[in-house]
Amino acid sequence: MTIACNLWRGHQGDVTSVALSPDGNIIASGSWD
């Protein structure tokens, strides 16, 4: 089972992609909105 540890807000639609920096300190997400 996977448990979400943080909730990020900002997209209005579905998130279509997620990327993490190599050190895991930065997250980027993309969507069609």
PDB file of N, CA and C in Angstrom:
ATOM      1  N   MET A   1       0.841  -1.176   0.000  1.00  0.00           N
ATOM      2  CA  MET A   1       0.000   0.000   0.000  1.00  0.00           C
ATOM      3  C   MET A   1       0.885   1.238   0.000  1.00  0.00           C
ATOM      4  N   THR A   2       0.505   2.222  -0.799  1.00  0.00           N
ATOM      5  CA  THR A   2       1.221   3.493  -0.852  1.00  0.00           C
ATOM      6  C   THR A   2       0.405   4.544  -0.118  1.00  0.00           C
ATOM      7  N   ILE A   3       1.071   5.329   0.691  1.00  0.00           N
ATOM      8  CA  ILE A   3       0.406   6.380   1.455  1.00  0.00           C
ATOM      9  C   ILE A   3       0.972   7.729   1.031  1.00  0.00           C
ATOM     10  N   ALA A   4       0.090   8.673   0.690  1.00  0.00           N
ATOM     11  CA  ALA A   4       0.534  10.023   0.327  1.00  0.00           C
ATOM     12  C   ALA A   4       1.022  10.749   1.572  1.00  0.00           C
ATOM     13  N   CYS A   5       2.178  11.385   1.450  1.00  0.00           N
ATOM     14  CA  CYS A   5       2.716  12.098   2.609  1.00  0.00           C
ATOM     15  C   CYS A   5       2.546  13.607   2.470  1.00  0.00           C
ATOM     16  N   ASN A   6       2.285  14.100   1.267  1.00  0.00           N
ATOM     17  CA  ASN A   6       2.069  15.527   1.039  1.00  0.00           C
ATOM     18  C   ASN A   6       0.965  15.705   0.007  1.00  0.00           C
ATOM     19  N   LEU A   7       0.293  16.824   0.077  1.00  0.00           N
ATOM     20  CA  LEU A   7      -0.729  17.169  -0.906  1.00  0.00           C
ATOM     21  C   LEU A   7      -0.320  18.476  -1.558  1.00  0.00           C
ATOM     22  N   TRP A   8      -0.158  18.451  -2.881  1.00  0.00           N
ATOM     23  CA  TRP A   8       0.195  19.659  -3.613  1.00  0.00           C
ATOM     24  C   TRP A   8      -1.019  20.122  -4.392  1.00  0.00           C
ATOM     25  N   ARG A   9      -1.173  21.423  -4.486  1.00  0.00           N
ATOM     26  CA  ARG A   9      -2.297  21.999  -5.223  1.00  0.00           C
ATOM     27  C   ARG A   9      -1.768  22.909  -6.317  1.00  0.00           C
ATOM     28  N   GLY A  10      -2.558  23.093  -7.365  1.00  0.00           N
ATOM     29  CA  GLY A  10      -2.149  23.997  -8.426  1.00  0.00           C
ATOM     30  C   GLY A  10      -2.746  23.654  -9.777  1.00  0.00           C
ATOM     31  N   HIS A  11      -2.896  22.379 -10.084  1.00  0.00           N
ATOM     32  CA  HIS A  11      -3.487  21.986 -11.360  1.00  0.00           C
ATOM     33  C   HIS A  11      -5.004  21.922 -11.225  1.00  0.00           C
ATOM     34  N   GLN A  12      -5.685  22.292 -12.304  1.00  0.00           N
ATOM     35  CA  GLN A  12      -7.141  22.196 -12.334  1.00  0.00           C
ATOM     36  C   GLN A  12      -7.593  20.857 -12.914  1.00  0.00           C
ATOM     37  N   GLY A  13      -6.770  20.284 -13.794  1.00  0.00           N
ATOM     38  CA  GLY A  13      -7.103  19.016 -14.434  1.00  0.00           C
ATOM     39  C   GLY A  13      -6.204  17.896 -13.943  1.00  0.00           C
ATOM     40  N   ASP A  14      -6.312  16.765 -14.621  1.00  0.00           N
ATOM     41  CA  ASP A  14      -5.499  15.606 -14.263  1.00  0.00           C
ATOM     42  C   ASP A  14      -4.023  15.876 -14.516  1.00  0.00           C
ATOM     43  N   VAL A  15      -3.178  15.425 -13.629  1.00  0.00           N
ATOM     44  CA  VAL A  15      -1.730  15.504 -13.814  1.00  0.00           C
ATOM     45  C   VAL A  15      -1.320  14.388 -14.771  1.00  0.00           C
ATOM     46  N   THR A  16      -0.571  14.750 -15.810  1.00  0.00           N
ATOM     47  CA  THR A  16      -0.187  13.776 -16.831  1.00  0.00           C
ATOM     48  C   THR A  16       1.269  13.343 -16.736  1.00  0.00           C
ATOM     49  N   SER A  17       2.091  14.090 -16.001  1.00  0.00           N
ATOM     50  CA  SER A  17       3.497  13.707 -15.853  1.00  0.00           C
ATOM     51  C   SER A  17       4.066  14.279 -14.560  1.00  0.00           C
ATOM     52  N   VAL A  18       5.043  13.565 -14.019  1.00  0.00           N
ATOM     53  CA  VAL A  18       5.722  13.988 -12.795  1.00  0.00           C
ATOM     54  C   VAL A  18       7.200  13.665 -12.953  1.00  0.00           C
ATOM     55  N   ALA A  19       8.067  14.583 -12.509  1.00  0.00           N
ATOM     56  CA  ALA A  19       9.514  14.351 -12.558  1.00  0.00           C
ATOM     57  C   ALA A  19      10.134  14.800 -11.241  1.00  0.00           C
ATOM     58  N   LEU A  20      11.143  14.056 -10.795  1.00  0.00           N
ATOM     59  CA  LEU A  20      11.886  14.394  -9.582  1.00  0.00           C
ATOM     60  C   LEU A  20      13.323  14.709  -9.947  1.00  0.00           C
ATOM     61  N   SER A  21      13.925  15.668  -9.242  1.00  0.00           N
ATOM     62  CA  SER A  21      15.348  15.926  -9.430  1.00  0.00           C
ATOM     63  C   SER A  21      16.132  14.734  -8.900  1.00  0.00           C
ATOM     64  N   PRO A  22      17.372  14.551  -9.358  1.00  0.00           N
ATOM     65  CA  PRO A  22      18.164  13.400  -8.918  1.00  0.00           C
ATOM     66  C   PRO A  22      18.321  13.293  -7.401  1.00  0.00           C
ATOM     67  N   ASP A  23      18.385  14.435  -6.713  1.00  0.00           N
ATOM     68  CA  ASP A  23      18.539  14.380  -5.253  1.00  0.00           C
ATOM     69  C   ASP A  23      17.203  14.305  -4.520  1.00  0.00           C
ATOM     70  N   GLY A  24      16.084  14.372  -5.261  1.00  0.00           N
ATOM     71  CA  GLY A  24      14.762  14.237  -4.668  1.00  0.00           C
ATOM     72  C   GLY A  24      14.227  15.480  -3.989  1.00  0.00           C
ATOM     73  N   ASN A  25      14.901  16.624  -4.144  1.00  0.00           N
ATOM     74  CA  ASN A  25      14.471  17.852  -3.474  1.00  0.00           C
ATOM     75  C   ASN A  25      13.495  18.692  -4.284  1.00  0.00           C
ATOM     76  N   ILE A  26      13.405  18.453  -5.580  1.00  0.00           N
ATOM     77  CA  ILE A  26      12.528  19.242  -6.450  1.00  0.00           C
ATOM     78  C   ILE A  26      11.612  18.300  -7.211  1.00  0.00           C
ATOM     79  N   ILE A  27      10.330  18.681  -7.265  1.00  0.00           N
ATOM     80  CA  ILE A  27       9.352  17.915  -8.035  1.00  0.00           C
ATOM     81  C   ILE A  27       8.710  18.854  -9.055  1.00  0.00           C
ATOM     82  N   ALA A  28       8.487  18.353 -10.263  1.00  0.00           N
ATOM     83  CA  ALA A  28       7.815  19.117 -11.309  1.00  0.00           C
ATOM     84  C   ALA A  28       6.678  18.265 -11.850  1.00  0.00           C
ATOM     85  N   SER A  29       5.552  18.905 -12.151  1.00  0.00           N
ATOM     86  CA  SER A  29       4.410  18.167 -12.684  1.00  0.00           C
ATOM     87  C   SER A  29       3.838  18.917 -13.876  1.00  0.00           C
ATOM     88  N   GLY A  30       3.188  18.177 -14.745  1.00  0.00           N
ATOM     89  CA  GLY A  30       2.583  18.763 -15.927  1.00  0.00           C
ATOM     90  C   GLY A  30       1.171  18.244 -16.132  1.00  0.00           C
ATOM     91  N   SER A  31       0.339  19.087 -16.751  1.00  0.00           N
ATOM     92  CA  SER A  31      -1.030  18.695 -17.074  1.00  0.00           C
ATOM     93  C   SER A  31      -1.497  19.517 -18.263  1.00  0.00           C
ATOM     94  N   TRP A  32      -2.696  19.234 -18.746  1.00  0.00           N
ATOM     95  CA  TRP A  32      -3.234  19.947 -19.901  1.00  0.00           C
ATOM     96  C   TRP A  32      -3.946  21.234 -19.516  1.00  0.00           C
ATOM     97  N   ASP A  33      -3.996  21.595 -18.245  1.00  0.00           N
ATOM     98  CA  ASP A  33      -4.721  22.813 -17.863  1.00  0.00           C
ATOM     99  C   ASP A  33      -3.875  24.019 -17.934  1.00  0.00           C
TER     100      ASP A  33
END
